Protein backbone atom coordinates (compact mmCIF):
# COMPACT_ATOMS: atom_id res chain seq x y z
CA UNK A 1 0.00 0.00 0.00
CA UNK A 2 2.97 2.29 0.46
CA UNK A 3 3.81 2.54 -3.24
CA UNK A 4 0.14 3.16 -4.07
CA UNK A 5 0.11 6.03 -1.58
CA UNK A 6 3.19 7.54 -3.23
CA UNK A 7 1.63 7.26 -6.69
CA UNK A 8 -1.63 8.87 -5.52
CA UNK A 9 0.31 11.67 -3.82
CA UNK A 10 2.38 12.32 -6.94
CA UNK A 11 -0.66 12.51 -9.23
CA UNK A 12 -2.54 14.67 -6.70
CA UNK A 13 0.40 17.04 -6.37
CA UNK A 14 0.57 17.40 -10.15
CA UNK A 15 -3.17 18.14 -10.26
CA UNK A 16 -2.87 20.73 -7.51
CA UNK A 17 0.09 22.39 -9.23
CA UNK A 18 -1.71 22.42 -12.59
CA UNK A 19 -4.79 23.92 -10.96
CA UNK A 20 -2.78 26.63 -9.24
CA UNK A 21 -0.90 27.53 -12.42
CA UNK A 22 -4.01 27.67 -14.63
CA UNK A 23 -6.26 29.41 -12.10
CA UNK A 24 -7.64 32.53 -13.72
CA UNK A 25 -10.75 32.86 -11.62
CA UNK A 26 -11.86 36.39 -11.12
CA UNK A 27 -14.67 38.64 -12.21
CA UNK A 28 -16.52 36.90 -15.03
CA UNK A 29 -14.22 33.87 -15.16
CA UNK A 30 -15.03 30.37 -14.05
CA UNK A 31 -13.09 28.73 -11.25
CA UNK A 32 -11.94 25.69 -13.24
CA UNK A 33 -8.33 25.99 -12.09
CA UNK A 34 -9.37 26.39 -8.47
CA UNK A 35 -11.57 23.31 -8.75
CA UNK A 36 -8.73 21.24 -10.18
CA UNK A 37 -6.45 22.43 -7.38
CA UNK A 38 -9.08 21.49 -4.80
CA UNK A 39 -9.36 18.00 -6.28
CA UNK A 40 -5.57 17.69 -6.06
CA UNK A 41 -5.59 18.69 -2.40
CA UNK A 42 -8.32 16.15 -1.63
CA UNK A 43 -6.16 13.59 -3.44
CA UNK A 44 -3.26 14.38 -1.12
CA UNK A 45 -5.45 13.63 1.88
CA UNK A 46 -6.58 10.41 0.18
CA UNK A 47 -2.96 9.36 -0.24
CA UNK A 48 -2.38 9.85 3.47
CA UNK A 49 -5.40 7.66 4.19
CA UNK A 50 -4.19 4.94 1.81
CA UNK A 51 -0.73 5.14 3.35
CA UNK A 52 -2.17 4.68 6.82
CA UNK A 53 -3.77 1.41 5.73
CA UNK A 54 -0.30 -0.09 5.31
CA UNK A 55 0.34 -0.07 9.05
PDB file of N, CA and C in Angstrom:
ATOM      1  N   UNK A   1       0.816  -1.194   0.000  1.00  0.00           N
ATOM      2  CA  UNK A   1       0.000   0.000   0.000  1.00  0.00           C
ATOM      3  C   UNK A   1       0.860   1.257   0.000  1.00  0.00           C
ATOM      4  N   UNK A   2       2.101   1.121   0.400  1.00  0.00           N
ATOM      5  CA  UNK A   2       2.968   2.291   0.458  1.00  0.00           C
ATOM      6  C   UNK A   2       3.249   2.883  -0.908  1.00  0.00           C
ATOM      7  N   UNK A   3       3.517   2.032  -1.894  1.00  0.00           N
ATOM      8  CA  UNK A   3       3.808   2.537  -3.238  1.00  0.00           C
ATOM      9  C   UNK A   3       2.560   3.153  -3.854  1.00  0.00           C
ATOM     10  N   UNK A   4       1.386   2.592  -3.567  1.00  0.00           N
ATOM     11  CA  UNK A   4       0.139   3.163  -4.068  1.00  0.00           C
ATOM     12  C   UNK A   4      -0.084   4.553  -3.488  1.00  0.00           C
ATOM     13  N   UNK A   5       0.237   4.723  -2.223  1.00  0.00           N
ATOM     14  CA  UNK A   5       0.111   6.029  -1.581  1.00  0.00           C
ATOM     15  C   UNK A   5       1.037   7.054  -2.239  1.00  0.00           C
ATOM     16  N   UNK A   6       2.230   6.631  -2.577  1.00  0.00           N
ATOM     17  CA  UNK A   6       3.186   7.537  -3.233  1.00  0.00           C
ATOM     18  C   UNK A   6       2.693   7.924  -4.622  1.00  0.00           C
ATOM     19  N   UNK A   7       2.140   6.970  -5.350  1.00  0.00           N
ATOM     20  CA  UNK A   7       1.626   7.262  -6.687  1.00  0.00           C
ATOM     21  C   UNK A   7       0.447   8.223  -6.617  1.00  0.00           C
ATOM     22  N   UNK A   8      -0.471   7.978  -5.688  1.00  0.00           N
ATOM     23  CA  UNK A   8      -1.628   8.867  -5.522  1.00  0.00           C
ATOM     24  C   UNK A   8      -1.166  10.265  -5.137  1.00  0.00           C
ATOM     25  N   UNK A   9      -0.196  10.362  -4.245  1.00  0.00           N
ATOM     26  CA  UNK A   9       0.309  11.666  -3.822  1.00  0.00           C
ATOM     27  C   UNK A   9       0.975  12.404  -4.973  1.00  0.00           C
ATOM     28  N   UNK A  10       1.706  11.692  -5.799  1.00  0.00           N
ATOM     29  CA  UNK A  10       2.379  12.318  -6.941  1.00  0.00           C
ATOM     30  C   UNK A  10       1.366  12.870  -7.935  1.00  0.00           C
ATOM     31  N   UNK A  11       0.370  12.069  -8.280  1.00  0.00           N
ATOM     32  CA  UNK A  11      -0.656  12.512  -9.226  1.00  0.00           C
ATOM     33  C   UNK A  11      -1.447  13.678  -8.630  1.00  0.00           C
ATOM     34  N   UNK A  12      -1.784  13.598  -7.350  1.00  0.00           N
ATOM     35  CA  UNK A  12      -2.543  14.667  -6.703  1.00  0.00           C
ATOM     36  C   UNK A  12      -1.733  15.957  -6.652  1.00  0.00           C
ATOM     37  N   UNK A  13      -0.439  15.849  -6.400  1.00  0.00           N
ATOM     38  CA  UNK A  13       0.403  17.044  -6.370  1.00  0.00           C
ATOM     39  C   UNK A  13       0.491  17.681  -7.752  1.00  0.00           C
ATOM     40  N   UNK A  14       0.574  16.861  -8.796  1.00  0.00           N
ATOM     41  CA  UNK A  14       0.574  17.400 -10.154  1.00  0.00           C
ATOM     42  C   UNK A  14      -0.745  18.095 -10.471  1.00  0.00           C
ATOM     43  N   UNK A  15      -1.873  17.510 -10.045  1.00  0.00           N
ATOM     44  CA  UNK A  15      -3.169  18.141 -10.258  1.00  0.00           C
ATOM     45  C   UNK A  15      -3.268  19.473  -9.524  1.00  0.00           C
ATOM     46  N   UNK A  16      -2.818  19.493  -8.283  1.00  0.00           N
ATOM     47  CA  UNK A  16      -2.866  20.731  -7.513  1.00  0.00           C
ATOM     48  C   UNK A  16      -1.991  21.799  -8.156  1.00  0.00           C
ATOM     49  N   UNK A  17      -0.814  21.429  -8.590  1.00  0.00           N
ATOM     50  CA  UNK A  17       0.088  22.387  -9.234  1.00  0.00           C
ATOM     51  C   UNK A  17      -0.505  22.899 -10.544  1.00  0.00           C
ATOM     52  N   UNK A  18      -1.079  22.008 -11.335  1.00  0.00           N
ATOM     53  CA  UNK A  18      -1.711  22.420 -12.589  1.00  0.00           C
ATOM     54  C   UNK A  18      -2.873  23.375 -12.316  1.00  0.00           C
ATOM     55  N   UNK A  19      -3.670  23.062 -11.308  1.00  0.00           N
ATOM     56  CA  UNK A  19      -4.792  23.923 -10.964  1.00  0.00           C
ATOM     57  C   UNK A  19      -4.349  25.292 -10.497  1.00  0.00           C
ATOM     58  N   UNK A  20      -3.290  25.347  -9.734  1.00  0.00           N
ATOM     59  CA  UNK A  20      -2.783  26.635  -9.238  1.00  0.00           C
ATOM     60  C   UNK A  20      -2.220  27.458 -10.391  1.00  0.00           C
ATOM     61  N   UNK A  21      -1.503  26.805 -11.295  1.00  0.00           N
ATOM     62  CA  UNK A  21      -0.899  27.526 -12.419  1.00  0.00           C
ATOM     63  C   UNK A  21      -1.962  28.058 -13.378  1.00  0.00           C
ATOM     64  N   UNK A  22      -3.004  27.270 -13.632  1.00  0.00           N
ATOM     65  CA  UNK A  22      -4.005  27.669 -14.628  1.00  0.00           C
ATOM     66  C   UNK A  22      -5.173  28.430 -14.025  1.00  0.00           C
ATOM     67  N   UNK A  23      -5.137  28.724 -12.740  1.00  0.00           N
ATOM     68  CA  UNK A  23      -6.257  29.412 -12.100  1.00  0.00           C
ATOM     69  C   UNK A  23      -6.329  30.850 -12.597  1.00  0.00           C
ATOM     70  N   UNK A  24      -7.411  31.161 -13.276  1.00  0.00           N
ATOM     71  CA  UNK A  24      -7.639  32.535 -13.718  1.00  0.00           C
ATOM     72  C   UNK A  24      -8.989  33.025 -13.226  1.00  0.00           C
ATOM     73  N   UNK A  25      -9.443  32.469 -12.121  1.00  0.00           N
ATOM     74  CA  UNK A  25     -10.748  32.865 -11.619  1.00  0.00           C
ATOM     75  C   UNK A  25     -10.704  34.307 -11.156  1.00  0.00           C
ATOM     76  N   UNK A  26     -11.715  34.988 -11.457  1.00  0.00           N
ATOM     77  CA  UNK A  26     -11.857  36.390 -11.122  1.00  0.00           C
ATOM     78  C   UNK A  26     -13.218  36.845 -11.576  1.00  0.00           C
ATOM     79  N   UNK A  27     -13.386  38.114 -11.774  1.00  0.00           N
ATOM     80  CA  UNK A  27     -14.670  38.638 -12.211  1.00  0.00           C
ATOM     81  C   UNK A  27     -14.998  38.129 -13.613  1.00  0.00           C
ATOM     82  N   UNK A  28     -16.075  37.392 -13.743  1.00  0.00           N
ATOM     83  CA  UNK A  28     -16.519  36.902 -15.033  1.00  0.00           C
ATOM     84  C   UNK A  28     -15.854  35.621 -15.495  1.00  0.00           C
ATOM     85  N   UNK A  29     -14.909  35.104 -14.755  1.00  0.00           N
ATOM     86  CA  UNK A  29     -14.220  33.870 -15.155  1.00  0.00           C
ATOM     87  C   UNK A  29     -14.684  32.724 -14.271  1.00  0.00           C
ATOM     88  N   UNK A  30     -14.694  31.551 -14.840  1.00  0.00           N
ATOM     89  CA  UNK A  30     -15.026  30.371 -14.050  1.00  0.00           C
ATOM     90  C   UNK A  30     -13.863  29.981 -13.162  1.00  0.00           C
ATOM     91  N   UNK A  31     -14.129  29.164 -12.175  1.00  0.00           N
ATOM     92  CA  UNK A  31     -13.086  28.734 -11.247  1.00  0.00           C
ATOM     93  C   UNK A  31     -12.579  27.348 -11.560  1.00  0.00           C
ATOM     94  N   UNK A  32     -12.377  27.041 -12.855  1.00  0.00           N
ATOM     95  CA  UNK A  32     -11.938  25.695 -13.240  1.00  0.00           C
ATOM     96  C   UNK A  32     -10.600  25.353 -12.606  1.00  0.00           C
ATOM     97  N   UNK A  33      -9.647  26.259 -12.657  1.00  0.00           N
ATOM     98  CA  UNK A  33      -8.334  25.988 -12.092  1.00  0.00           C
ATOM     99  C   UNK A  33      -8.398  25.770 -10.595  1.00  0.00           C
ATOM    100  N   UNK A  34      -9.224  26.555  -9.923  1.00  0.00           N
ATOM    101  CA  UNK A  34      -9.371  26.393  -8.471  1.00  0.00           C
ATOM    102  C   UNK A  34     -10.007  25.052  -8.142  1.00  0.00           C
ATOM    103  N   UNK A  35     -10.949  24.614  -8.970  1.00  0.00           N
ATOM    104  CA  UNK A  35     -11.573  23.312  -8.749  1.00  0.00           C
ATOM    105  C   UNK A  35     -10.594  22.171  -8.932  1.00  0.00           C
ATOM    106  N   UNK A  36      -9.745  22.274  -9.943  1.00  0.00           N
ATOM    107  CA  UNK A  36      -8.729  21.241 -10.175  1.00  0.00           C
ATOM    108  C   UNK A  36      -7.744  21.203  -9.014  1.00  0.00           C
ATOM    109  N   UNK A  37      -7.363  22.381  -8.523  1.00  0.00           N
ATOM    110  CA  UNK A  37      -6.445  22.430  -7.383  1.00  0.00           C
ATOM    111  C   UNK A  37      -7.088  21.818  -6.151  1.00  0.00           C
ATOM    112  N   UNK A  38      -8.380  22.059  -5.952  1.00  0.00           N
ATOM    113  CA  UNK A  38      -9.082  21.489  -4.796  1.00  0.00           C
ATOM    114  C   UNK A  38      -9.136  19.967  -4.891  1.00  0.00           C
ATOM    115  N   UNK A  39      -9.357  19.452  -6.093  1.00  0.00           N
ATOM    116  CA  UNK A  39      -9.364  17.998  -6.281  1.00  0.00           C
ATOM    117  C   UNK A  39      -7.977  17.425  -5.963  1.00  0.00           C
ATOM    118  N   UNK A  40      -6.927  18.127  -6.366  1.00  0.00           N
ATOM    119  CA  UNK A  40      -5.567  17.686  -6.063  1.00  0.00           C
ATOM    120  C   UNK A  40      -5.298  17.653  -4.574  1.00  0.00           C
ATOM    121  N   UNK A  41      -5.809  18.649  -3.855  1.00  0.00           N
ATOM    122  CA  UNK A  41      -5.588  18.687  -2.403  1.00  0.00           C
ATOM    123  C   UNK A  41      -6.346  17.552  -1.718  1.00  0.00           C
ATOM    124  N   UNK A  42      -7.564  17.278  -2.170  1.00  0.00           N
ATOM    125  CA  UNK A  42      -8.318  16.146  -1.628  1.00  0.00           C
ATOM    126  C   UNK A  42      -7.573  14.844  -1.923  1.00  0.00           C
ATOM    127  N   UNK A  43      -6.955  14.764  -3.095  1.00  0.00           N
ATOM    128  CA  UNK A  43      -6.164  13.586  -3.441  1.00  0.00           C
ATOM    129  C   UNK A  43      -4.972  13.391  -2.518  1.00  0.00           C
ATOM    130  N   UNK A  44      -4.369  14.491  -2.075  1.00  0.00           N
ATOM    131  CA  UNK A  44      -3.259  14.384  -1.125  1.00  0.00           C
ATOM    132  C   UNK A  44      -3.731  13.791   0.200  1.00  0.00           C
ATOM    133  N   UNK A  45      -4.902  14.214   0.661  1.00  0.00           N
ATOM    134  CA  UNK A  45      -5.453  13.631   1.882  1.00  0.00           C
ATOM    135  C   UNK A  45      -5.795  12.158   1.677  1.00  0.00           C
ATOM    136  N   UNK A  46      -6.277  11.815   0.480  1.00  0.00           N
ATOM    137  CA  UNK A  46      -6.585  10.415   0.178  1.00  0.00           C
ATOM    138  C   UNK A  46      -5.320   9.567   0.204  1.00  0.00           C
ATOM    139  N   UNK A  47      -4.207  10.132  -0.259  1.00  0.00           N
ATOM    140  CA  UNK A  47      -2.964   9.364  -0.243  1.00  0.00           C
ATOM    141  C   UNK A  47      -2.484   9.110   1.176  1.00  0.00           C
ATOM    142  N   UNK A  48      -2.727  10.061   2.064  1.00  0.00           N
ATOM    143  CA  UNK A  48      -2.376   9.852   3.474  1.00  0.00           C
ATOM    144  C   UNK A  48      -3.229   8.729   4.057  1.00  0.00           C
ATOM    145  N   UNK A  49      -4.506   8.713   3.706  1.00  0.00           N
ATOM    146  CA  UNK A  49      -5.395   7.658   4.188  1.00  0.00           C
ATOM    147  C   UNK A  49      -4.954   6.293   3.672  1.00  0.00           C
ATOM    148  N   UNK A  50      -4.643   6.208   2.385  1.00  0.00           N
ATOM    149  CA  UNK A  50      -4.192   4.939   1.815  1.00  0.00           C
ATOM    150  C   UNK A  50      -2.875   4.508   2.448  1.00  0.00           C
ATOM    151  N   UNK A  51      -1.999   5.463   2.692  1.00  0.00           N
ATOM    152  CA  UNK A  51      -0.729   5.138   3.347  1.00  0.00           C
ATOM    153  C   UNK A  51      -0.914   4.634   4.765  1.00  0.00           C
ATOM    154  N   UNK A  52      -1.933   5.132   5.449  1.00  0.00           N
ATOM    155  CA  UNK A  52      -2.171   4.679   6.822  1.00  0.00           C
ATOM    156  C   UNK A  52      -2.717   3.266   6.869  1.00  0.00           C
ATOM    157  N   UNK A  53      -3.264   2.793   5.768  1.00  0.00           N
ATOM    158  CA  UNK A  53      -3.772   1.410   5.726  1.00  0.00           C
ATOM    159  C   UNK A  53      -2.644   0.394   5.720  1.00  0.00           C
ATOM    160  N   UNK A  54      -1.438   0.834   5.392  1.00  0.00           N
ATOM    161  CA  UNK A  54      -0.300  -0.087   5.309  1.00  0.00           C
ATOM    162  C   UNK A  54       0.203  -0.488   6.690  1.00  0.00           C
ATOM    163  N   UNK A  55      -0.174   0.230   7.705  1.00  0.00           N
ATOM    164  CA  UNK A  55       0.344  -0.065   9.053  1.00  0.00           C
ATOM    165  C   UNK A  55      -0.478  -1.055   9.762  1.00  0.00           C
TER     166      UNK A  55
END
